[in-house]
ModelCIF file with pLDDT and N, C-alpha, C, O atoms, coordinates in Angstrom:
data_MODEL
#
_entry.id   MODEL 
#
_entity.id                         1 
_entity.type                       polymer 
_entity.pdbx_number_of_molecules   1 
#
_entity_poly.entity_id                      1 
_entity_poly.type                           'polypeptide(L)' 
_entity_poly.nstd_linkage                   no 
_entity_poly.nstd_monomer                   no 
_entity_poly.pdbx_seq_one_letter_code       IFSIYAMGWYRQAPGKQRELVATIPSGGRTNYADSVKGRFTISRDNP 
_entity_poly.pdbx_seq_one_letter_code_can   IFSIYAMGWYRQAPGKQRELVATIPSGGRTNYADSVKGRFTISRDNP 
_entity_poly.pdbx_strand_id                 A 
#
loop_
_entity_poly_seq.entity_id 
_entity_poly_seq.num 
_entity_poly_seq.mon_id 
_entity_poly_seq.hetero 
1 1  ILE n 
1 2  PHE n 
1 3  SER n 
1 4  ILE n 
1 5  TYR n 
1 6  ALA n 
1 7  MET n 
1 8  GLY n 
1 9  TRP n 
1 10 TYR n 
1 11 ARG n 
1 12 GLN n 
1 13 ALA n 
1 14 PRO n 
1 15 GLY n 
1 16 LYS n 
1 17 GLN n 
1 18 ARG n 
1 19 GLU n 
1 20 LEU n 
1 21 VAL n 
1 22 ALA n 
1 23 THR n 
1 24 ILE n 
1 25 PRO n 
1 26 SER n 
1 27 GLY n 
1 28 GLY n 
1 29 ARG n 
1 30 THR n 
1 31 ASN n 
1 32 TYR n 
1 33 ALA n 
1 34 ASP n 
1 35 SER n 
1 36 VAL n 
1 37 LYS n 
1 38 GLY n 
1 39 ARG n 
1 40 PHE n 
1 41 THR n 
1 42 ILE n 
1 43 SER n 
1 44 ARG n 
1 45 ASP n 
1 46 ASN n 
1 47 PRO n 
#
_struct_asym.id          A 
_struct_asym.entity_id   1 
#
loop_
_ma_qa_metric.id 
_ma_qa_metric.mode 
_ma_qa_metric.name 
_ma_qa_metric.software_group_id 
_ma_qa_metric.type 
1 global pLDDT . pLDDT 
2 local  pLDDT . pLDDT 
#
_ma_qa_metric_global.metric_id      1 
_ma_qa_metric_global.metric_value   92.06 
_ma_qa_metric_global.model_id       1 
_ma_qa_metric_global.ordinal_id     1 
#
loop_
_ma_qa_metric_local.label_asym_id 
_ma_qa_metric_local.label_comp_id 
_ma_qa_metric_local.label_seq_id 
_ma_qa_metric_local.metric_id 
_ma_qa_metric_local.metric_value 
_ma_qa_metric_local.model_id 
_ma_qa_metric_local.ordinal_id 
A ILE 1  2 84.00 1 1  
A PHE 2  2 82.00 1 2  
A SER 3  2 84.00 1 3  
A ILE 4  2 86.00 1 4  
A TYR 5  2 88.00 1 5  
A ALA 6  2 91.00 1 6  
A MET 7  2 93.00 1 7  
A GLY 8  2 95.00 1 8  
A TRP 9  2 98.00 1 9  
A TYR 10 2 98.00 1 10 
A ARG 11 2 98.00 1 11 
A GLN 12 2 98.00 1 12 
A ALA 13 2 97.00 1 13 
A PRO 14 2 92.00 1 14 
A GLY 15 2 94.00 1 15 
A LYS 16 2 96.00 1 16 
A GLN 17 2 97.00 1 17 
A ARG 18 2 97.00 1 18 
A GLU 19 2 97.00 1 19 
A LEU 20 2 97.00 1 20 
A VAL 21 2 98.00 1 21 
A ALA 22 2 98.00 1 22 
A THR 23 2 96.00 1 23 
A ILE 24 2 94.00 1 24 
A PRO 25 2 88.00 1 25 
A SER 26 2 81.00 1 26 
A GLY 27 2 77.00 1 27 
A GLY 28 2 74.00 1 28 
A ARG 29 2 88.00 1 29 
A THR 30 2 96.00 1 30 
A ASN 31 2 97.00 1 31 
A TYR 32 2 98.00 1 32 
A ALA 33 2 98.00 1 33 
A ASP 34 2 98.00 1 34 
A SER 35 2 97.00 1 35 
A VAL 36 2 98.00 1 36 
A LYS 37 2 98.00 1 37 
A GLY 38 2 98.00 1 38 
A ARG 39 2 98.00 1 39 
A PHE 40 2 98.00 1 40 
A THR 41 2 98.00 1 41 
A ILE 42 2 97.00 1 42 
A SER 43 2 94.00 1 43 
A ARG 44 2 86.00 1 44 
A ASP 45 2 80.00 1 45 
A ASN 46 2 71.00 1 46 
A PRO 47 2 71.00 1 47 
#
loop_
_atom_site.group_PDB 
_atom_site.id 
_atom_site.type_symbol 
_atom_site.label_atom_id 
_atom_site.label_alt_id 
_atom_site.label_comp_id 
_atom_site.label_asym_id 
_atom_site.label_entity_id 
_atom_site.label_seq_id 
_atom_site.pdbx_PDB_ins_code 
_atom_site.Cartn_x 
_atom_site.Cartn_y 
_atom_site.Cartn_z 
_atom_site.occupancy 
_atom_site.B_iso_or_equiv 
_atom_site.pdbx_formal_charge 
_atom_site.auth_seq_id 
_atom_site.auth_comp_id 
_atom_site.auth_asym_id 
_atom_site.auth_atom_id 
_atom_site.pdbx_PDB_model_num 
ATOM 1   N N  . ILE A 1 1  ? 4.400   -10.014 7.485   1.00 84.00 ? 1  ILE A N  1 
ATOM 2   C CA . ILE A 1 1  ? 3.368   -9.408  6.647   1.00 84.00 ? 1  ILE A CA 1 
ATOM 3   C C  . ILE A 1 1  ? 1.985   -9.520  7.268   1.00 84.00 ? 1  ILE A C  1 
ATOM 4   O O  . ILE A 1 1  ? 1.095   -8.739  6.930   1.00 84.00 ? 1  ILE A O  1 
ATOM 5   N N  . PHE A 1 2  ? 1.787   -10.467 8.159   1.00 82.00 ? 2  PHE A N  1 
ATOM 6   C CA . PHE A 1 2  ? 0.471   -10.640 8.766   1.00 82.00 ? 2  PHE A CA 1 
ATOM 7   C C  . PHE A 1 2  ? 0.168   -9.575  9.808   1.00 82.00 ? 2  PHE A C  1 
ATOM 8   O O  . PHE A 1 2  ? -0.963  -9.491  10.286  1.00 82.00 ? 2  PHE A O  1 
ATOM 9   N N  . SER A 1 3  ? 1.147   -8.763  10.168  1.00 84.00 ? 3  SER A N  1 
ATOM 10  C CA . SER A 1 3  ? 0.950   -7.671  11.102  1.00 84.00 ? 3  SER A CA 1 
ATOM 11  C C  . SER A 1 3  ? 0.573   -6.363  10.417  1.00 84.00 ? 3  SER A C  1 
ATOM 12  O O  . SER A 1 3  ? 0.355   -5.352  11.085  1.00 84.00 ? 3  SER A O  1 
ATOM 13  N N  . ILE A 1 4  ? 0.496   -6.378  9.114   1.00 86.00 ? 4  ILE A N  1 
ATOM 14  C CA . ILE A 1 4  ? 0.221   -5.162  8.360   1.00 86.00 ? 4  ILE A CA 1 
ATOM 15  C C  . ILE A 1 4  ? -1.265  -4.827  8.413   1.00 86.00 ? 4  ILE A C  1 
ATOM 16  O O  . ILE A 1 4  ? -2.111  -5.654  8.071   1.00 86.00 ? 4  ILE A O  1 
ATOM 17  N N  . TYR A 1 5  ? -1.570  -3.615  8.843   1.00 88.00 ? 5  TYR A N  1 
ATOM 18  C CA . TYR A 1 5  ? -2.946  -3.142  8.861   1.00 88.00 ? 5  TYR A CA 1 
ATOM 19  C C  . TYR A 1 5  ? -3.376  -2.590  7.507   1.00 88.00 ? 5  TYR A C  1 
ATOM 20  O O  . TYR A 1 5  ? -4.496  -2.815  7.049   1.00 88.00 ? 5  TYR A O  1 
ATOM 21  N N  . ALA A 1 6  ? -2.462  -1.866  6.885   1.00 91.00 ? 6  ALA A N  1 
ATOM 22  C CA . ALA A 1 6  ? -2.760  -1.247  5.610   1.00 91.00 ? 6  ALA A CA 1 
ATOM 23  C C  . ALA A 1 6  ? -1.470  -1.039  4.839   1.00 91.00 ? 6  ALA A C  1 
ATOM 24  O O  . ALA A 1 6  ? -0.388  -0.980  5.422   1.00 91.00 ? 6  ALA A O  1 
ATOM 25  N N  . MET A 1 7  ? -1.593  -0.928  3.545   1.00 93.00 ? 7  MET A N  1 
ATOM 26  C CA . MET A 1 7  ? -0.458  -0.606  2.705   1.00 93.00 ? 7  MET A CA 1 
ATOM 27  C C  . MET A 1 7  ? -0.827  0.563   1.808   1.00 93.00 ? 7  MET A C  1 
ATOM 28  O O  . MET A 1 7  ? -2.002  0.857   1.588   1.00 93.00 ? 7  MET A O  1 
ATOM 29  N N  . GLY A 1 8  ? 0.189   1.212   1.305   1.00 95.00 ? 8  GLY A N  1 
ATOM 30  C CA . GLY A 1 8  ? -0.084  2.358   0.466   1.00 95.00 ? 8  GLY A CA 1 
ATOM 31  C C  . GLY A 1 8  ? 1.113   2.775   -0.346  1.00 95.00 ? 8  GLY A C  1 
ATOM 32  O O  . GLY A 1 8  ? 2.214   2.243   -0.205  1.00 95.00 ? 8  GLY A O  1 
ATOM 33  N N  . TRP A 1 9  ? 0.866   3.735   -1.194  1.00 98.00 ? 9  TRP A N  1 
ATOM 34  C CA . TRP A 1 9  ? 1.899   4.349   -2.007  1.00 98.00 ? 9  TRP A CA 1 
ATOM 35  C C  . TRP A 1 9  ? 1.975   5.832   -1.696  1.00 98.00 ? 9  TRP A C  1 
ATOM 36  O O  . TRP A 1 9  ? 0.956   6.518   -1.622  1.00 98.00 ? 9  TRP A O  1 
ATOM 37  N N  . TYR A 1 10 ? 3.182   6.312   -1.516  1.00 98.00 ? 10 TYR A N  1 
ATOM 38  C CA . TYR A 1 10 ? 3.463   7.719   -1.311  1.00 98.00 ? 10 TYR A CA 1 
ATOM 39  C C  . TYR A 1 10 ? 4.477   8.156   -2.358  1.00 98.00 ? 10 TYR A C  1 
ATOM 40  O O  . TYR A 1 10 ? 5.143   7.325   -2.975  1.00 98.00 ? 10 TYR A O  1 
ATOM 41  N N  . ARG A 1 11 ? 4.586   9.449   -2.551  1.00 98.00 ? 11 ARG A N  1 
ATOM 42  C CA . ARG A 1 11 ? 5.562   9.950   -3.506  1.00 98.00 ? 11 ARG A CA 1 
ATOM 43  C C  . ARG A 1 11 ? 6.173   11.237  -2.995  1.00 98.00 ? 11 ARG A C  1 
ATOM 44  O O  . ARG A 1 11 ? 5.567   11.961  -2.205  1.00 98.00 ? 11 ARG A O  1 
ATOM 45  N N  . GLN A 1 12 ? 7.381   11.510  -3.456  1.00 98.00 ? 12 GLN A N  1 
ATOM 46  C CA . GLN A 1 12 ? 8.086   12.715  -3.074  1.00 98.00 ? 12 GLN A CA 1 
ATOM 47  C C  . GLN A 1 12 ? 8.831   13.263  -4.279  1.00 98.00 ? 12 GLN A C  1 
ATOM 48  O O  . GLN A 1 12 ? 9.730   12.615  -4.816  1.00 98.00 ? 12 GLN A O  1 
ATOM 49  N N  . ALA A 1 13 ? 8.454   14.450  -4.694  1.00 97.00 ? 13 ALA A N  1 
ATOM 50  C CA . ALA A 1 13 ? 9.121   15.140  -5.778  1.00 97.00 ? 13 ALA A CA 1 
ATOM 51  C C  . ALA A 1 13 ? 10.242  16.002  -5.206  1.00 97.00 ? 13 ALA A C  1 
ATOM 52  O O  . ALA A 1 13 ? 10.201  16.371  -4.032  1.00 97.00 ? 13 ALA A O  1 
ATOM 53  N N  . PRO A 1 14 ? 11.244  16.328  -6.025  1.00 92.00 ? 14 PRO A N  1 
ATOM 54  C CA . PRO A 1 14 ? 12.342  17.174  -5.538  1.00 92.00 ? 14 PRO A CA 1 
ATOM 55  C C  . PRO A 1 14 ? 11.830  18.490  -4.976  1.00 92.00 ? 14 PRO A C  1 
ATOM 56  O O  . PRO A 1 14 ? 11.036  19.181  -5.614  1.00 92.00 ? 14 PRO A O  1 
ATOM 57  N N  . GLY A 1 15 ? 12.289  18.831  -3.781  1.00 94.00 ? 15 GLY A N  1 
ATOM 58  C CA . GLY A 1 15 ? 11.896  20.072  -3.147  1.00 94.00 ? 15 GLY A CA 1 
ATOM 59  C C  . GLY A 1 15 ? 10.518  20.073  -2.534  1.00 94.00 ? 15 GLY A C  1 
ATOM 60  O O  . GLY A 1 15 ? 10.061  21.110  -2.053  1.00 94.00 ? 15 GLY A O  1 
ATOM 61  N N  . LYS A 1 16 ? 9.844   18.942  -2.538  1.00 96.00 ? 16 LYS A N  1 
ATOM 62  C CA . LYS A 1 16 ? 8.506   18.861  -1.987  1.00 96.00 ? 16 LYS A CA 1 
ATOM 63  C C  . LYS A 1 16 ? 8.447   17.824  -0.881  1.00 96.00 ? 16 LYS A C  1 
ATOM 64  O O  . LYS A 1 16 ? 9.317   16.959  -0.776  1.00 96.00 ? 16 LYS A O  1 
ATOM 65  N N  . GLN A 1 17 ? 7.417   17.919  -0.060  1.00 97.00 ? 17 GLN A N  1 
ATOM 66  C CA . GLN A 1 17 ? 7.201   16.952  1.000   1.00 97.00 ? 17 GLN A CA 1 
ATOM 67  C C  . GLN A 1 17 ? 6.617   15.664  0.437   1.00 97.00 ? 17 GLN A C  1 
ATOM 68  O O  . GLN A 1 17 ? 5.969   15.652  -0.609  1.00 97.00 ? 17 GLN A O  1 
ATOM 69  N N  . ARG A 1 18 ? 6.867   14.590  1.160   1.00 97.00 ? 18 ARG A N  1 
ATOM 70  C CA . ARG A 1 18 ? 6.269   13.322  0.783   1.00 97.00 ? 18 ARG A CA 1 
ATOM 71  C C  . ARG A 1 18 ? 4.755   13.400  0.962   1.00 97.00 ? 18 ARG A C  1 
ATOM 72  O O  . ARG A 1 18 ? 4.273   13.918  1.970   1.00 97.00 ? 18 ARG A O  1 
ATOM 73  N N  . GLU A 1 19 ? 4.017   12.894  0.000   1.00 97.00 ? 19 GLU A N  1 
ATOM 74  C CA . GLU A 1 19 ? 2.573   12.967  0.043   1.00 97.00 ? 19 GLU A CA 1 
ATOM 75  C C  . GLU A 1 19 ? 1.956   11.610  -0.236  1.00 97.00 ? 19 GLU A C  1 
ATOM 76  O O  . GLU A 1 19 ? 2.530   10.767  -0.926  1.00 97.00 ? 19 GLU A O  1 
ATOM 77  N N  . LEU A 1 20 ? 0.782   11.427  0.314   1.00 97.00 ? 20 LEU A N  1 
ATOM 78  C CA . LEU A 1 20 ? 0.040   10.200  0.086   1.00 97.00 ? 20 LEU A CA 1 
ATOM 79  C C  . LEU A 1 20 ? -0.484  10.161  -1.339  1.00 97.00 ? 20 LEU A C  1 
ATOM 80  O O  . LEU A 1 20 ? -0.977  11.160  -1.862  1.00 97.00 ? 20 LEU A O  1 
ATOM 81  N N  . VAL A 1 21 ? -0.372  9.003   -1.955  1.00 98.00 ? 21 VAL A N  1 
ATOM 82  C CA . VAL A 1 21 ? -0.944  8.776   -3.272  1.00 98.00 ? 21 VAL A CA 1 
ATOM 83  C C  . VAL A 1 21 ? -2.199  7.924   -3.157  1.00 98.00 ? 21 VAL A C  1 
ATOM 84  O O  . VAL A 1 21 ? -3.263  8.307   -3.643  1.00 98.00 ? 21 VAL A O  1 
ATOM 85  N N  . ALA A 1 22 ? -2.073  6.769   -2.513  1.00 98.00 ? 22 ALA A N  1 
ATOM 86  C CA . ALA A 1 22 ? -3.200  5.865   -2.356  1.00 98.00 ? 22 ALA A CA 1 
ATOM 87  C C  . ALA A 1 22 ? -2.910  4.898   -1.231  1.00 98.00 ? 22 ALA A C  1 
ATOM 88  O O  . ALA A 1 22 ? -1.756  4.537   -0.997  1.00 98.00 ? 22 ALA A O  1 
ATOM 89  N N  . THR A 1 23 ? -3.952  4.475   -0.533  1.00 96.00 ? 23 THR A N  1 
ATOM 90  C CA . THR A 1 23 ? -3.836  3.467   0.517   1.00 96.00 ? 23 THR A CA 1 
ATOM 91  C C  . THR A 1 23 ? -4.903  2.413   0.333   1.00 96.00 ? 23 THR A C  1 
ATOM 92  O O  . THR A 1 23 ? -5.960  2.664   -0.245  1.00 96.00 ? 23 THR A O  1 
ATOM 93  N N  . ILE A 1 24 ? -4.603  1.218   0.838   1.00 94.00 ? 24 ILE A N  1 
ATOM 94  C CA . ILE A 1 24 ? -5.560  0.121   0.789   1.00 94.00 ? 24 ILE A CA 1 
ATOM 95  C C  . ILE A 1 24 ? -5.475  -0.638  2.106   1.00 94.00 ? 24 ILE A C  1 
ATOM 96  O O  . ILE A 1 24 ? -4.540  -1.412  2.309   1.00 94.00 ? 24 ILE A O  1 
ATOM 97  N N  . PRO A 1 25 ? -6.441  -0.429  3.009   1.00 88.00 ? 25 PRO A N  1 
ATOM 98  C CA . PRO A 1 25 ? -6.451  -1.152  4.290   1.00 88.00 ? 25 PRO A CA 1 
ATOM 99  C C  . PRO A 1 25 ? -6.743  -2.632  4.094   1.00 88.00 ? 25 PRO A C  1 
ATOM 100 O O  . PRO A 1 25 ? -7.036  -3.093  2.991   1.00 88.00 ? 25 PRO A O  1 
ATOM 101 N N  . SER A 1 26 ? -6.652  -3.362  5.204   1.00 81.00 ? 26 SER A N  1 
ATOM 102 C CA . SER A 1 26 ? -6.875  -4.802  5.140   1.00 81.00 ? 26 SER A CA 1 
ATOM 103 C C  . SER A 1 26 ? -8.275  -5.144  4.659   1.00 81.00 ? 26 SER A C  1 
ATOM 104 O O  . SER A 1 26 ? -8.490  -6.198  4.061   1.00 81.00 ? 26 SER A O  1 
ATOM 105 N N  . GLY A 1 27 ? -9.226  -4.259  4.918   1.00 77.00 ? 27 GLY A N  1 
ATOM 106 C CA . GLY A 1 27 ? -10.592 -4.496  4.486   1.00 77.00 ? 27 GLY A CA 1 
ATOM 107 C C  . GLY A 1 27 ? -10.816 -4.282  3.009   1.00 77.00 ? 27 GLY A C  1 
ATOM 108 O O  . GLY A 1 27 ? -11.879 -4.619  2.486   1.00 77.00 ? 27 GLY A O  1 
ATOM 109 N N  . GLY A 1 28 ? -9.829  -3.727  2.326   1.00 74.00 ? 28 GLY A N  1 
ATOM 110 C CA . GLY A 1 28 ? -9.914  -3.565  0.891   1.00 74.00 ? 28 GLY A CA 1 
ATOM 111 C C  . GLY A 1 28 ? -10.439 -2.223  0.415   1.00 74.00 ? 28 GLY A C  1 
ATOM 112 O O  . GLY A 1 28 ? -10.451 -1.963  -0.788  1.00 74.00 ? 28 GLY A O  1 
ATOM 113 N N  . ARG A 1 29 ? -10.873 -1.366  1.328   1.00 88.00 ? 29 ARG A N  1 
ATOM 114 C CA . ARG A 1 29 ? -11.344 -0.041  0.941   1.00 88.00 ? 29 ARG A CA 1 
ATOM 115 C C  . ARG A 1 29 ? -10.152 0.836   0.610   1.00 88.00 ? 29 ARG A C  1 
ATOM 116 O O  . ARG A 1 29 ? -9.119  0.779   1.278   1.00 88.00 ? 29 ARG A O  1 
ATOM 117 N N  . THR A 1 30 ? -10.301 1.637   -0.411  1.00 96.00 ? 30 THR A N  1 
ATOM 118 C CA . THR A 1 30 ? -9.188  2.426   -0.916  1.00 96.00 ? 30 THR A CA 1 
ATOM 119 C C  . THR A 1 30 ? -9.383  3.909   -0.678  1.00 96.00 ? 30 THR A C  1 
ATOM 120 O O  . THR A 1 30 ? -10.503 4.392   -0.514  1.00 96.00 ? 30 THR A O  1 
ATOM 121 N N  . ASN A 1 31 ? -8.260  4.621   -0.663  1.00 97.00 ? 31 ASN A N  1 
ATOM 122 C CA . ASN A 1 31 ? -8.250  6.058   -0.498  1.00 97.00 ? 31 ASN A CA 1 
ATOM 123 C C  . ASN A 1 31 ? -7.221  6.632   -1.456  1.00 97.00 ? 31 ASN A C  1 
ATOM 124 O O  . ASN A 1 31 ? -6.113  6.109   -1.574  1.00 97.00 ? 31 ASN A O  1 
ATOM 125 N N  . TYR A 1 32 ? -7.588  7.703   -2.136  1.00 98.00 ? 32 TYR A N  1 
ATOM 126 C CA . TYR A 1 32 ? -6.719  8.304   -3.131  1.00 98.00 ? 32 TYR A CA 1 
ATOM 127 C C  . TYR A 1 32 ? -6.571  9.792   -2.897  1.00 98.00 ? 32 TYR A C  1 
ATOM 128 O O  . TYR A 1 32 ? -7.493  10.459  -2.429  1.00 98.00 ? 32 TYR A O  1 
ATOM 129 N N  . ALA A 1 33 ? -5.404  10.299  -3.226  1.00 98.00 ? 33 ALA A N  1 
ATOM 130 C CA . ALA A 1 33 ? -5.229  11.735  -3.270  1.00 98.00 ? 33 ALA A CA 1 
ATOM 131 C C  . ALA A 1 33 ? -6.077  12.316  -4.391  1.00 98.00 ? 33 ALA A C  1 
ATOM 132 O O  . ALA A 1 33 ? -6.264  11.682  -5.430  1.00 98.00 ? 33 ALA A O  1 
ATOM 133 N N  . ASP A 1 34 ? -6.588  13.520  -4.179  1.00 98.00 ? 34 ASP A N  1 
ATOM 134 C CA . ASP A 1 34 ? -7.429  14.141  -5.192  1.00 98.00 ? 34 ASP A CA 1 
ATOM 135 C C  . ASP A 1 34 ? -6.715  14.280  -6.534  1.00 98.00 ? 34 ASP A C  1 
ATOM 136 O O  . ASP A 1 34 ? -7.342  14.200  -7.590  1.00 98.00 ? 34 ASP A O  1 
ATOM 137 N N  . SER A 1 35 ? -5.414  14.487  -6.485  1.00 97.00 ? 35 SER A N  1 
ATOM 138 C CA . SER A 1 35 ? -4.659  14.722  -7.699  1.00 97.00 ? 35 SER A CA 1 
ATOM 139 C C  . SER A 1 35 ? -4.545  13.491  -8.592  1.00 97.00 ? 35 SER A C  1 
ATOM 140 O O  . SER A 1 35 ? -4.247  13.615  -9.780  1.00 97.00 ? 35 SER A O  1 
ATOM 141 N N  . VAL A 1 36 ? -4.778  12.308  -8.035  1.00 98.00 ? 36 VAL A N  1 
ATOM 142 C CA . VAL A 1 36 ? -4.641  11.080  -8.815  1.00 98.00 ? 36 VAL A CA 1 
ATOM 143 C C  . VAL A 1 36 ? -5.943  10.319  -8.952  1.00 98.00 ? 36 VAL A C  1 
ATOM 144 O O  . VAL A 1 36 ? -6.006  9.335   -9.689  1.00 98.00 ? 36 VAL A O  1 
ATOM 145 N N  . LYS A 1 37 ? -6.974  10.748  -8.264  1.00 98.00 ? 37 LYS A N  1 
ATOM 146 C CA . LYS A 1 37 ? -8.245  10.037  -8.275  1.00 98.00 ? 37 LYS A CA 1 
ATOM 147 C C  . LYS A 1 37 ? -8.808  9.972   -9.695  1.00 98.00 ? 37 LYS A C  1 
ATOM 148 O O  . LYS A 1 37 ? -8.868  10.977  -10.402 1.00 98.00 ? 37 LYS A O  1 
ATOM 149 N N  . GLY A 1 38 ? -9.211  8.784   -10.089 1.00 98.00 ? 38 GLY A N  1 
ATOM 150 C CA . GLY A 1 38 ? -9.703  8.568   -11.430 1.00 98.00 ? 38 GLY A CA 1 
ATOM 151 C C  . GLY A 1 38 ? -8.635  8.165   -12.418 1.00 98.00 ? 38 GLY A C  1 
ATOM 152 O O  . GLY A 1 38 ? -8.950  7.683   -13.506 1.00 98.00 ? 38 GLY A O  1 
ATOM 153 N N  . ARG A 1 39 ? -7.375  8.352   -12.063 1.00 98.00 ? 39 ARG A N  1 
ATOM 154 C CA . ARG A 1 39 ? -6.271  7.986   -12.937 1.00 98.00 ? 39 ARG A CA 1 
ATOM 155 C C  . ARG A 1 39 ? -5.459  6.815   -12.396 1.00 98.00 ? 39 ARG A C  1 
ATOM 156 O O  . ARG A 1 39 ? -4.972  5.989   -13.167 1.00 98.00 ? 39 ARG A O  1 
ATOM 157 N N  . PHE A 1 40 ? -5.312  6.741   -11.081 1.00 98.00 ? 40 PHE A N  1 
ATOM 158 C CA . PHE A 1 40 ? -4.520  5.696   -10.443 1.00 98.00 ? 40 PHE A CA 1 
ATOM 159 C C  . PHE A 1 40 ? -5.435  4.690   -9.767  1.00 98.00 ? 40 PHE A C  1 
ATOM 160 O O  . PHE A 1 40 ? -6.527  5.035   -9.316  1.00 98.00 ? 40 PHE A O  1 
ATOM 161 N N  . THR A 1 41 ? -4.987  3.450   -9.699  1.00 98.00 ? 41 THR A N  1 
ATOM 162 C CA . THR A 1 41 ? -5.716  2.397   -9.023  1.00 98.00 ? 41 THR A CA 1 
ATOM 163 C C  . THR A 1 41 ? -4.755  1.567   -8.192  1.00 98.00 ? 41 THR A C  1 
ATOM 164 O O  . THR A 1 41 ? -3.767  1.048   -8.711  1.00 98.00 ? 41 THR A O  1 
ATOM 165 N N  . ILE A 1 42 ? -5.043  1.440   -6.900  1.00 97.00 ? 42 ILE A N  1 
ATOM 166 C CA . ILE A 1 42 ? -4.248  0.603   -6.022  1.00 97.00 ? 42 ILE A CA 1 
ATOM 167 C C  . ILE A 1 42 ? -4.969  -0.722  -5.837  1.00 97.00 ? 42 ILE A C  1 
ATOM 168 O O  . ILE A 1 42 ? -6.193  -0.759  -5.715  1.00 97.00 ? 42 ILE A O  1 
ATOM 169 N N  . SER A 1 43 ? -4.209  -1.808  -5.816  1.00 94.00 ? 43 SER A N  1 
ATOM 170 C CA . SER A 1 43 ? -4.810  -3.123  -5.706  1.00 94.00 ? 43 SER A CA 1 
ATOM 171 C C  . SER A 1 43 ? -3.863  -4.074  -4.993  1.00 94.00 ? 43 SER A C  1 
ATOM 172 O O  . SER A 1 43 ? -2.658  -3.834  -4.916  1.00 94.00 ? 43 SER A O  1 
ATOM 173 N N  . ARG A 1 44 ? -4.421  -5.143  -4.481  1.00 86.00 ? 44 ARG A N  1 
ATOM 174 C CA . ARG A 1 44 ? -3.659  -6.192  -3.820  1.00 86.00 ? 44 ARG A CA 1 
ATOM 175 C C  . ARG A 1 44 ? -3.610  -7.416  -4.708  1.00 86.00 ? 44 ARG A C  1 
ATOM 176 O O  . ARG A 1 44 ? -4.596  -7.780  -5.349  1.00 86.00 ? 44 ARG A O  1 
ATOM 177 N N  . ASP A 1 45 ? -2.450  -8.045  -4.736  1.00 80.00 ? 45 ASP A N  1 
ATOM 178 C CA . ASP A 1 45 ? -2.262  -9.287  -5.465  1.00 80.00 ? 45 ASP A CA 1 
ATOM 179 C C  . ASP A 1 45 ? -1.792  -10.323 -4.455  1.00 80.00 ? 45 ASP A C  1 
ATOM 180 O O  . ASP A 1 45 ? -0.591  -10.516 -4.267  1.00 80.00 ? 45 ASP A O  1 
ATOM 181 N N  . ASN A 1 46 ? -2.730  -10.981 -3.813  1.00 71.00 ? 46 ASN A N  1 
ATOM 182 C CA . ASN A 1 46 ? -2.406  -11.877 -2.709  1.00 71.00 ? 46 ASN A CA 1 
ATOM 183 C C  . ASN A 1 46 ? -1.537  -13.071 -3.103  1.00 71.00 ? 46 ASN A C  1 
ATOM 184 O O  . ASN A 1 46 ? -0.623  -13.414 -2.353  1.00 71.00 ? 46 ASN A O  1 
ATOM 185 N N  . PRO A 1 47 ? -1.780  -13.722 -4.253  1.00 71.00 ? 47 PRO A N  1 
ATOM 186 C CA . PRO A 1 47 ? -0.911  -14.847 -4.605  1.00 71.00 ? 47 PRO A CA 1 
ATOM 187 C C  . PRO A 1 47 ? 0.557   -14.476 -4.683  1.00 71.00 ? 47 PRO A C  1 
ATOM 188 O O  . PRO A 1 47 ? 1.395   -15.330 -4.970  1.00 71.00 ? 47 PRO A O  1 
#
């Protein structure tokens, strides 16, 4: 796990390509797909 640069969530609906939902790099800055921005929140739970 210490080799991980970033983690994220992706999703794939039937008949569609896999798409990014949200990512959270090691620095803690987040990125969201426009379709979920304001509704979804990605977070780290280190313990």
